[in-house]
Full PDB file with SEQRES, HELIX, SHEET, SSBOND, CRYST1, ORIGX, SCALE, CONECT and MASTER records, all heavy atoms in Angstrom:
SEQRES   1 A   36  ILE ILE ASP GLY THR ILE ASP GLY LEU ALA PRO GLY GLU          
SEQRES   2 A   36  HIS GLY ILE HIS VAL HIS GLU CYS GLY ASP ILE SER ARG          
SEQRES   3 A   36  GLY CYS ASP ASN VAL GLY GLU HIS PHE ASN                      
CRYST1    1.000    1.000    1.000  90.00  90.00  90.00 P 1           1          
ORIGX1      1.000000  0.000000  0.000000        0.00000                         
ORIGX2      0.000000  1.000000  0.000000        0.00000                         
ORIGX3      0.000000  0.000000  1.000000        0.00000                         
SCALE1      1.000000  0.000000  0.000000        0.00000                         
SCALE2      0.000000  1.000000  0.000000        0.00000                         
SCALE3      0.000000  0.000000  1.000000        0.00000                         
ATOM      1  N   ILE A   1     -10.772 -12.656   1.582  1.00  0.00           N  
ATOM      2  CA  ILE A   1     -11.236 -11.835   0.456  1.00  0.00           C  
ATOM      3  C   ILE A   1     -10.621 -10.442   0.588  1.00  0.00           C  
ATOM      4  O   ILE A   1     -10.649  -9.842   1.661  1.00  0.00           O  
ATOM      5  CB  ILE A   1     -12.770 -11.731   0.445  1.00  0.00           C  
ATOM      6  CG1 ILE A   1     -13.394 -13.105   0.178  1.00  0.00           C  
ATOM      7  CG2 ILE A   1     -13.231 -10.728  -0.610  1.00  0.00           C  
ATOM      8  CD1 ILE A   1     -14.904 -13.129   0.348  1.00  0.00           C  
ATOM      9  N   ILE A   2     -10.067  -9.946  -0.506  1.00  0.00           N  
ATOM     10  CA  ILE A   2      -9.524  -8.584  -0.565  1.00  0.00           C  
ATOM     11  C   ILE A   2     -10.306  -7.868  -1.657  1.00  0.00           C  
ATOM     12  O   ILE A   2     -10.187  -8.197  -2.840  1.00  0.00           O  
ATOM     13  CB  ILE A   2      -8.019  -8.602  -0.868  1.00  0.00           C  
ATOM     14  CG1 ILE A   2      -7.289  -9.437   0.184  1.00  0.00           C  
ATOM     15  CG2 ILE A   2      -7.449  -7.184  -0.906  1.00  0.00           C  
ATOM     16  CD1 ILE A   2      -5.954  -9.959  -0.266  1.00  0.00           C  
ATOM     17  N   ASP A   3     -11.118  -6.901  -1.259  1.00  0.00           N  
ATOM     18  CA  ASP A   3     -12.132  -6.331  -2.137  1.00  0.00           C  
ATOM     19  C   ASP A   3     -12.012  -4.813  -2.096  1.00  0.00           C  
ATOM     20  O   ASP A   3     -12.181  -4.203  -1.038  1.00  0.00           O  
ATOM     21  CB  ASP A   3     -13.507  -6.786  -1.617  1.00  0.00           C  
ATOM     22  CG  ASP A   3     -14.668  -6.312  -2.483  1.00  0.00           C  
ATOM     23  OD1 ASP A   3     -14.475  -5.459  -3.357  1.00  0.00           O  
ATOM     24  OD2 ASP A   3     -15.782  -6.809  -2.260  1.00  0.00           O  
ATOM     25  N   GLY A   4     -11.675  -4.196  -3.229  1.00  0.00           N  
ATOM     26  CA  GLY A   4     -11.427  -2.761  -3.171  1.00  0.00           C  
ATOM     27  C   GLY A   4     -11.734  -1.995  -4.438  1.00  0.00           C  
ATOM     28  O   GLY A   4     -11.878  -2.569  -5.520  1.00  0.00           O  
ATOM     29  N   THR A   5     -11.820  -0.682  -4.270  1.00  0.00           N  
ATOM     30  CA  THR A   5     -11.923   0.260  -5.376  1.00  0.00           C  
ATOM     31  C   THR A   5     -10.955   1.407  -5.098  1.00  0.00           C  
ATOM     32  O   THR A   5     -10.962   1.969  -4.002  1.00  0.00           O  
ATOM     33  CB  THR A   5     -13.349   0.817  -5.514  1.00  0.00           C  
ATOM     34  OG1 THR A   5     -14.252  -0.257  -5.748  1.00  0.00           O  
ATOM     35  CG2 THR A   5     -13.430   1.798  -6.673  1.00  0.00           C  
ATOM     36  N   ILE A   6     -10.108   1.718  -6.069  1.00  0.00           N  
ATOM     37  CA  ILE A   6      -9.125   2.804  -5.929  1.00  0.00           C  
ATOM     38  C   ILE A   6      -9.219   3.700  -7.147  1.00  0.00           C  
ATOM     39  O   ILE A   6      -9.245   3.228  -8.284  1.00  0.00           O  
ATOM     40  CB  ILE A   6      -7.689   2.241  -5.792  1.00  0.00           C  
ATOM     41  CG1 ILE A   6      -7.593   1.260  -4.617  1.00  0.00           C  
ATOM     42  CG2 ILE A   6      -6.686   3.381  -5.597  1.00  0.00           C  
ATOM     43  CD1 ILE A   6      -6.249   0.564  -4.508  1.00  0.00           C  
ATOM     44  N   ASP A   7      -9.261   5.012  -6.909  1.00  0.00           N  
ATOM     45  CA  ASP A   7      -9.310   6.000  -7.987  1.00  0.00           C  
ATOM     46  C   ASP A   7      -8.047   6.856  -7.984  1.00  0.00           C  
ATOM     47  O   ASP A   7      -7.423   7.055  -6.939  1.00  0.00           O  
ATOM     48  CB  ASP A   7     -10.520   6.919  -7.801  1.00  0.00           C  
ATOM     49  CG  ASP A   7     -11.828   6.220  -8.079  1.00  0.00           C  
ATOM     50  OD1 ASP A   7     -11.990   5.694  -9.189  1.00  0.00           O  
ATOM     51  OD2 ASP A   7     -12.697   6.186  -7.180  1.00  0.00           O  
ATOM     52  N   GLY A   8      -7.681   7.368  -9.161  1.00  0.00           N  
ATOM     53  CA  GLY A   8      -6.598   8.332  -9.256  1.00  0.00           C  
ATOM     54  C   GLY A   8      -5.257   7.770  -9.680  1.00  0.00           C  
ATOM     55  O   GLY A   8      -4.258   8.502  -9.687  1.00  0.00           O  
ATOM     56  N   LEU A   9      -5.211   6.500 -10.042  1.00  0.00           N  
ATOM     57  CA  LEU A   9      -3.957   5.883 -10.486  1.00  0.00           C  
ATOM     58  C   LEU A   9      -3.827   5.960 -12.009  1.00  0.00           C  
ATOM     59  O   LEU A   9      -4.823   6.071 -12.727  1.00  0.00           O  
ATOM     60  CB  LEU A   9      -3.910   4.418 -10.049  1.00  0.00           C  
ATOM     61  CG  LEU A   9      -3.733   4.148  -8.552  1.00  0.00           C  
ATOM     62  CD1 LEU A   9      -4.107   2.717  -8.223  1.00  0.00           C  
ATOM     63  CD2 LEU A   9      -2.300   4.441  -8.122  1.00  0.00           C  
ATOM     64  N   ALA A  10      -2.597   5.864 -12.493  1.00  0.00           N  
ATOM     65  CA  ALA A  10      -2.377   5.814 -13.936  1.00  0.00           C  
ATOM     66  C   ALA A  10      -2.873   4.473 -14.472  1.00  0.00           C  
ATOM     67  O   ALA A  10      -2.761   3.442 -13.809  1.00  0.00           O  
ATOM     68  CB  ALA A  10      -0.884   5.970 -14.237  1.00  0.00           C  
ATOM     69  N   PRO A  11      -3.442   4.445 -15.668  1.00  0.00           N  
ATOM     70  CA  PRO A  11      -3.918   3.185 -16.247  1.00  0.00           C  
ATOM     71  C   PRO A  11      -2.807   2.149 -16.345  1.00  0.00           C  
ATOM     72  O   PRO A  11      -1.642   2.480 -16.538  1.00  0.00           O  
ATOM     73  CB  PRO A  11      -4.397   3.605 -17.642  1.00  0.00           C  
ATOM     74  CG  PRO A  11      -4.761   5.044 -17.495  1.00  0.00           C  
ATOM     75  CD  PRO A  11      -3.748   5.609 -16.531  1.00  0.00           C  
ATOM     76  N   GLY A  12      -3.187   0.886 -16.179  1.00  0.00           N  
ATOM     77  CA  GLY A  12      -2.229  -0.210 -16.220  1.00  0.00           C  
ATOM     78  C   GLY A  12      -2.174  -0.952 -14.906  1.00  0.00           C  
ATOM     79  O   GLY A  12      -3.077  -0.852 -14.063  1.00  0.00           O  
ATOM     80  N   GLU A  13      -1.100  -1.709 -14.697  1.00  0.00           N  
ATOM     81  CA  GLU A  13      -0.948  -2.520 -13.488  1.00  0.00           C  
ATOM     82  C   GLU A  13      -0.147  -1.790 -12.422  1.00  0.00           C  
ATOM     83  O   GLU A  13       0.805  -1.075 -12.722  1.00  0.00           O  
ATOM     84  CB  GLU A  13      -0.256  -3.842 -13.822  1.00  0.00           C  
ATOM     85  CG  GLU A  13      -1.130  -4.818 -14.603  1.00  0.00           C  
ATOM     86  CD  GLU A  13      -0.482  -6.184 -14.712  1.00  0.00           C  
ATOM     87  OE1 GLU A  13       0.734  -6.240 -15.024  1.00  0.00           O  
ATOM     88  OE2 GLU A  13      -1.166  -7.189 -14.485  1.00  0.00           O  
ATOM     89  N   HIS A  14      -0.534  -2.010 -11.169  1.00  0.00           N  
ATOM     90  CA  HIS A  14       0.173  -1.459 -10.015  1.00  0.00           C  
ATOM     91  C   HIS A  14       0.258  -2.535  -8.935  1.00  0.00           C  
ATOM     92  O   HIS A  14      -0.706  -3.273  -8.699  1.00  0.00           O  
ATOM     93  CB  HIS A  14      -0.563  -0.239  -9.454  1.00  0.00           C  
ATOM     94  CG  HIS A  14      -0.614   0.922 -10.395  1.00  0.00           C  
ATOM     95  ND1 HIS A  14       0.292   1.962 -10.335  1.00  0.00           N  
ATOM     96  CD2 HIS A  14      -1.445   1.204 -11.424  1.00  0.00           C  
ATOM     97  CE1 HIS A  14       0.013   2.837 -11.291  1.00  0.00           C  
ATOM     98  NE2 HIS A  14      -1.046   2.397 -11.965  1.00  0.00           N  
ATOM     99  N   GLY A  15       1.424  -2.602  -8.273  1.00  0.00           N  
ATOM    100  CA  GLY A  15       1.585  -3.553  -7.190  1.00  0.00           C  
ATOM    101  C   GLY A  15       0.794  -3.153  -5.956  1.00  0.00           C  
ATOM    102  O   GLY A  15       0.582  -1.963  -5.693  1.00  0.00           O  
ATOM    103  N   ILE A  16       0.365  -4.151  -5.184  1.00  0.00           N  
ATOM    104  CA  ILE A  16      -0.349  -3.897  -3.928  1.00  0.00           C  
ATOM    105  C   ILE A  16       0.163  -4.885  -2.885  1.00  0.00           C  
ATOM    106  O   ILE A  16       0.273  -6.086  -3.148  1.00  0.00           O  
ATOM    107  CB  ILE A  16      -1.883  -3.995  -4.133  1.00  0.00           C  
ATOM    108  CG1 ILE A  16      -2.623  -3.621  -2.853  1.00  0.00           C  
ATOM    109  CG2 ILE A  16      -2.299  -5.346  -4.669  1.00  0.00           C  
ATOM    110  CD1 ILE A  16      -4.110  -3.412  -3.061  1.00  0.00           C  
ATOM    111  N   HIS A  17       0.537  -4.340  -1.709  1.00  0.00           N  
ATOM    112  CA  HIS A  17       1.187  -5.162  -0.700  1.00  0.00           C  
ATOM    113  C   HIS A  17       0.768  -4.751   0.702  1.00  0.00           C  
ATOM    114  O   HIS A  17       0.474  -3.577   0.954  1.00  0.00           O  
ATOM    115  CB  HIS A  17       2.719  -5.034  -0.781  1.00  0.00           C  
ATOM    116  CG  HIS A  17       3.269  -5.149  -2.167  1.00  0.00           C  
ATOM    117  ND1 HIS A  17       3.570  -4.037  -2.946  1.00  0.00           N  
ATOM    118  CD2 HIS A  17       3.559  -6.227  -2.922  1.00  0.00           C  
ATOM    119  CE1 HIS A  17       4.036  -4.445  -4.122  1.00  0.00           C  
ATOM    120  NE2 HIS A  17       4.034  -5.767  -4.132  1.00  0.00           N  
ATOM    121  N   VAL A  18       0.778  -5.713   1.611  1.00  0.00           N  
ATOM    122  CA  VAL A  18       0.645  -5.411   3.037  1.00  0.00           C  
ATOM    123  C   VAL A  18       2.051  -5.208   3.590  1.00  0.00           C  
ATOM    124  O   VAL A  18       2.930  -6.054   3.386  1.00  0.00           O  
ATOM    125  CB  VAL A  18      -0.063  -6.557   3.792  1.00  0.00           C  
ATOM    126  CG1 VAL A  18      -0.052  -6.295   5.298  1.00  0.00           C  
ATOM    127  CG2 VAL A  18      -1.496  -6.716   3.301  1.00  0.00           C  
ATOM    128  N   HIS A  19       2.269  -4.078   4.279  1.00  0.00           N  
ATOM    129  CA  HIS A  19       3.572  -3.792   4.889  1.00  0.00           C  
ATOM    130  C   HIS A  19       3.496  -4.005   6.398  1.00  0.00           C  
ATOM    131  O   HIS A  19       2.414  -4.014   6.990  1.00  0.00           O  
ATOM    132  CB  HIS A  19       4.003  -2.363   4.573  1.00  0.00           C  
ATOM    133  CG  HIS A  19       4.518  -2.207   3.177  1.00  0.00           C  
ATOM    134  ND1 HIS A  19       5.808  -1.801   2.892  1.00  0.00           N  
ATOM    135  CD2 HIS A  19       3.919  -2.408   1.977  1.00  0.00           C  
ATOM    136  CE1 HIS A  19       5.978  -1.753   1.582  1.00  0.00           C  
ATOM    137  NE2 HIS A  19       4.841  -2.109   1.005  1.00  0.00           N  
ATOM    138  N   GLU A  20       4.657  -4.168   7.009  1.00  0.00           N  
ATOM    139  CA  GLU A  20       4.713  -4.641   8.392  1.00  0.00           C  
ATOM    140  C   GLU A  20       4.247  -3.624   9.430  1.00  0.00           C  
ATOM    141  O   GLU A  20       3.793  -4.003  10.502  1.00  0.00           O  
ATOM    142  CB  GLU A  20       6.137  -5.095   8.725  1.00  0.00           C  
ATOM    143  CG  GLU A  20       7.205  -4.024   8.525  1.00  0.00           C  
ATOM    144  CD  GLU A  20       8.609  -4.581   8.654  1.00  0.00           C  
ATOM    145  OE1 GLU A  20       8.742  -5.781   8.959  1.00  0.00           O  
ATOM    146  OE2 GLU A  20       9.570  -3.821   8.453  1.00  0.00           O  
ATOM    147  N   CYS A  21       4.328  -2.330   9.132  1.00  0.00           N  
ATOM    148  CA  CYS A  21       4.008  -1.309  10.144  1.00  0.00           C  
ATOM    149  C   CYS A  21       2.814  -0.455   9.721  1.00  0.00           C  
ATOM    150  O   CYS A  21       2.521  -0.325   8.538  1.00  0.00           O  
ATOM    151  CB  CYS A  21       5.216  -0.399  10.387  1.00  0.00           C  
ATOM    152  SG  CYS A  21       6.716  -1.272  10.863  1.00  0.00           S  
ATOM    153  N   GLY A  22       2.162   0.143  10.708  1.00  0.00           N  
ATOM    154  CA  GLY A  22       1.009   0.988  10.447  1.00  0.00           C  
ATOM    155  C   GLY A  22       1.266   2.444  10.759  1.00  0.00           C  
ATOM    156  O   GLY A  22       0.348   3.168  11.137  1.00  0.00           O  
ATOM    157  N   ASP A  23       2.497   2.897  10.585  1.00  0.00           N  
ATOM    158  CA  ASP A  23       2.859   4.284  10.866  1.00  0.00           C  
ATOM    159  C   ASP A  23       2.879   5.072   9.560  1.00  0.00           C  
ATOM    160  O   ASP A  23       3.809   4.936   8.763  1.00  0.00           O  
ATOM    161  CB  ASP A  23       4.228   4.331  11.545  1.00  0.00           C  
ATOM    162  CG  ASP A  23       4.685   5.760  11.859  1.00  0.00           C  
ATOM    163  OD1 ASP A  23       3.915   6.712  11.600  1.00  0.00           O  
ATOM    164  OD2 ASP A  23       5.814   5.913  12.362  1.00  0.00           O  
ATOM    165  N   ILE A  24       1.853   5.913   9.327  1.00  0.00           N  
ATOM    166  CA  ILE A  24       1.829   6.739   8.115  1.00  0.00           C  
ATOM    167  C   ILE A  24       2.009   8.216   8.464  1.00  0.00           C  
ATOM    168  O   ILE A  24       1.590   9.093   7.710  1.00  0.00           O  
ATOM    169  CB  ILE A  24       0.538   6.516   7.311  1.00  0.00           C  
ATOM    170  CG1 ILE A  24      -0.702   6.881   8.126  1.00  0.00           C  
ATOM    171  CG2 ILE A  24       0.448   5.089   6.816  1.00  0.00           C  
ATOM    172  CD1 ILE A  24      -1.982   6.898   7.294  1.00  0.00           C  
ATOM    173  N   SER A  25       2.660   8.478   9.600  1.00  0.00           N  
ATOM    174  CA  SER A  25       2.887   9.860  10.024  1.00  0.00           C  
ATOM    175  C   SER A  25       3.829  10.598   9.069  1.00  0.00           C  
ATOM    176  O   SER A  25       3.815  11.827   9.006  1.00  0.00           O  
ATOM    177  CB  SER A  25       3.454   9.892  11.451  1.00  0.00           C  
ATOM    178  OG  SER A  25       4.684   9.194  11.519  1.00  0.00           O  
ATOM    179  N   ARG A  26       4.650   9.865   8.344  1.00  0.00           N  
ATOM    180  CA  ARG A  26       5.531  10.454   7.324  1.00  0.00           C  
ATOM    181  C   ARG A  26       5.205   9.863   5.951  1.00  0.00           C  
ATOM    182  O   ARG A  26       6.072   9.432   5.223  1.00  0.00           O  
ATOM    183  CB  ARG A  26       6.997  10.210   7.682  1.00  0.00           C  
ATOM    184  CG  ARG A  26       7.446  10.930   8.948  1.00  0.00           C  
ATOM    185  CD  ARG A  26       8.903  10.658   9.288  1.00  0.00           C  
ATOM    186  NE  ARG A  26       9.795  11.019   8.198  1.00  0.00           N  
ATOM    187  CZ  ARG A  26      10.700  10.199   7.663  1.00  0.00           C  
ATOM    188  NH1 ARG A  26      10.823   8.960   8.121  1.00  0.00           N  
ATOM    189  NH2 ARG A  26      11.488  10.616   6.699  1.00  0.00           N  
ATOM    190  N   GLY A  27       3.911   9.852   5.644  1.00  0.00           N  
ATOM    191  CA  GLY A  27       3.493   9.238   4.393  1.00  0.00           C  
ATOM    192  C   GLY A  27       3.737   7.743   4.437  1.00  0.00           C  
ATOM    193  O   GLY A  27       3.469   7.091   5.442  1.00  0.00           O  
ATOM    194  N   CYS A  28       4.274   7.221   3.350  1.00  0.00           N  
ATOM    195  CA  CYS A  28       4.516   5.776   3.269  1.00  0.00           C  
ATOM    196  C   CYS A  28       5.959   5.397   3.614  1.00  0.00           C  
ATOM    197  O   CYS A  28       6.373   4.247   3.406  1.00  0.00           O  
ATOM    198  CB  CYS A  28       4.174   5.274   1.864  1.00  0.00           C  
ATOM    199  SG  CYS A  28       2.487   5.622   1.346  1.00  0.00           S  
ATOM    200  N   ASP A  29       6.733   6.353   4.152  1.00  0.00           N  
ATOM    201  CA  ASP A  29       8.143   6.094   4.438  1.00  0.00           C  
ATOM    202  C   ASP A  29       8.357   5.205   5.657  1.00  0.00           C  
ATOM    203  O   ASP A  29       9.382   4.530   5.768  1.00  0.00           O  
ATOM    204  CB  ASP A  29       8.900   7.412   4.649  1.00  0.00           C  
ATOM    205  CG  ASP A  29       9.006   8.230   3.381  1.00  0.00           C  
ATOM    206  OD1 ASP A  29       8.841   7.645   2.285  1.00  0.00           O  
ATOM    207  OD2 ASP A  29       9.232   9.449   3.474  1.00  0.00           O  
ATOM    208  N   ASN A  30       7.396   5.224   6.607  1.00  0.00           N  
ATOM    209  CA  ASN A  30       7.602   4.517   7.875  1.00  0.00           C  
ATOM    210  C   ASN A  30       6.840   3.201   7.994  1.00  0.00           C  
ATOM    211  O   ASN A  30       6.723   2.663   9.087  1.00  0.00           O  
ATOM    212  CB  ASN A  30       7.178   5.417   9.039  1.00  0.00           C  
ATOM    213  CG  ASN A  30       8.224   6.465   9.370  1.00  0.00           C  
ATOM    214  OD1 ASN A  30       9.228   6.598   8.665  1.00  0.00           O  
ATOM    215  ND2 ASN A  30       8.002   7.215  10.436  1.00  0.00           N  
ATOM    216  N   VAL A  31       6.322   2.696   6.888  1.00  0.00           N  
ATOM    217  CA  VAL A  31       5.497   1.481   6.981  1.00  0.00           C  
ATOM    218  C   VAL A  31       6.326   0.202   6.957  1.00  0.00           C  
ATOM    219  O   VAL A  31       5.786  -0.899   7.053  1.00  0.00           O  
ATOM    220  CB  VAL A  31       4.431   1.441   5.863  1.00  0.00           C  
ATOM    221  CG1 VAL A  31       3.482   2.610   5.983  1.00  0.00           C  
ATOM    222  CG2 VAL A  31       5.076   1.398   4.485  1.00  0.00           C  
ATOM    223  N   GLY A  32       7.645   0.326   6.838  1.00  0.00           N  
ATOM    224  CA  GLY A  32       8.507  -0.850   6.844  1.00  0.00           C  
ATOM    225  C   GLY A  32       8.473  -1.597   5.522  1.00  0.00           C  
ATOM    226  O   GLY A  32       8.025  -1.088   4.499  1.00  0.00           O  
ATOM    227  N   GLU A  33       8.943  -2.829   5.569  1.00  0.00           N  
ATOM    228  CA  GLU A  33       8.984  -3.669   4.370  1.00  0.00           C  
ATOM    229  C   GLU A  33       7.703  -4.494   4.267  1.00  0.00           C  
ATOM    230  O   GLU A  33       6.809  -4.393   5.098  1.00  0.00           O  
ATOM    231  CB  GLU A  33      10.220  -4.572   4.414  1.00  0.00           C  
ATOM    232  CG  GLU A  33      11.535  -3.816   4.537  1.00  0.00           C  
ATOM    233  CD  GLU A  33      11.731  -2.783   3.430  1.00  0.00           C  
ATOM    234  OE1 GLU A  33      11.334  -3.064   2.279  1.00  0.00           O  
ATOM    235  OE2 GLU A  33      12.268  -1.696   3.717  1.00  0.00           O  
ATOM    236  N   HIS A  34       7.634  -5.332   3.243  1.00  0.00           N  
ATOM    237  CA  HIS A  34       6.462  -6.199   3.094  1.00  0.00           C  
ATOM    238  C   HIS A  34       6.307  -7.090   4.332  1.00  0.00           C  
ATOM    239  O   HIS A  34       7.300  -7.555   4.911  1.00  0.00           O  
ATOM    240  CB  HIS A  34       6.612  -7.104   1.872  1.00  0.00           C  
ATOM    241  CG  HIS A  34       6.617  -6.356   0.571  1.00  0.00           C  
ATOM    242  ND1 HIS A  34       6.821  -6.968  -0.639  1.00  0.00           N  
ATOM    243  CD2 HIS A  34       6.415  -5.036   0.294  1.00  0.00           C  
ATOM    244  CE1 HIS A  34       6.766  -6.070  -1.603  1.00  0.00           C  
ATOM    245  NE2 HIS A  34       6.532  -4.887  -1.063  1.00  0.00           N  
ATOM    246  N   PHE A  35       5.066  -7.329   4.733  1.00  0.00           N  
ATOM    247  CA  PHE A  35       4.799  -8.232   5.853  1.00  0.00           C  
ATOM    248  C   PHE A  35       5.303  -9.616   5.484  1.00  0.00           C  
ATOM    249  O   PHE A  35       4.829 -10.250   4.538  1.00  0.00           O  
ATOM    250  CB  PHE A  35       3.295  -8.249   6.132  1.00  0.00           C  
ATOM    251  CG  PHE A  35       2.882  -9.181   7.233  1.00  0.00           C  
ATOM    252  CD1 PHE A  35       3.588  -9.227   8.432  1.00  0.00           C  
ATOM    253  CD2 PHE A  35       1.784 -10.009   7.073  1.00  0.00           C  
ATOM    254  CE1 PHE A  35       3.199 -10.090   9.454  1.00  0.00           C  
ATOM    255  CE2 PHE A  35       1.376 -10.860   8.077  1.00  0.00           C  
ATOM    256  CZ  PHE A  35       2.098 -10.911   9.269  1.00  0.00           C  
ATOM    257  N   ASN A  36       6.308 -10.098   6.220  1.00  0.00           N  
ATOM    258  CA  ASN A  36       7.052 -11.296   5.822  1.00  0.00           C  
ATOM    259  C   ASN A  36       7.454 -12.113   7.049  1.00  0.00           C  
ATOM    260  O   ASN A  36       8.636 -12.247   7.370  1.00  0.00           O  
ATOM    261  CB  ASN A  36       8.291 -10.867   5.014  1.00  0.00           C  
ATOM    262  CG  ASN A  36       9.063 -12.040   4.456  1.00  0.00           C  
ATOM    263  OD1 ASN A  36       8.538 -13.143   4.306  1.00  0.00           O  
ATOM    264  ND2 ASN A  36      10.332 -11.808   4.151  1.00  0.00           N  
TER     265      ASN A  36                                                      
MASTER        0    0    0    0    0    0    0    6  264    1    0    3          
END                                                                             
């Protein structure tokens, strides 16, 4: 089950993905590619 609430996005559809790394020291630049 993936259950969430997110605020502050523009109306419409947005992609959501699990990425391979958990390093957010430089924002979302270091999280790698999609977990694959």
